């Protein structure tokens, strides 16, 4: 059973849906009406609007994919010109390995780069985690060898 406060919040969220839909359309075209909508809303309406807008965002896509529409044609052209390692890593199959020994150094670097670009997929986050663990372990081993050689 819901309380009157929960019902009030649900009404606020429901009332924010048309405004959220309007903002999604306007933000890509004209920012002046966006400013007017946001400044005319109360704090509670803004909170409801944020909740509705967050609910409208697909959570199975990376931040880079979601914000791709903000990129200019120049950005896209530079992506097309990119060759060699970076482009190859961006397009490599994304397999999440169960064991950190199954990752190649190239896969780890690619996953870390993807994660830093905003990719929140399991492949990118797990690869980044393994990348830092492996690189930290290698760094400790190098320091230990250097200390041993010095003594």
Foldseek 3Di string as FASTA:
>chain_A
DDDPVVVVLVVLLVVLQVVLVVCVVCVLPPCPVVVVVVVVDDPSSVVSNVVNNVVPDDPQFFPCVVCVSVDDVVVVVVLVVDDDLLVCLVPDDQDADPDLVVDDLSQLVSLCVCVVVGDPDPSNVNSPVSNVVVVVVVVVVVVVVVVVVVD
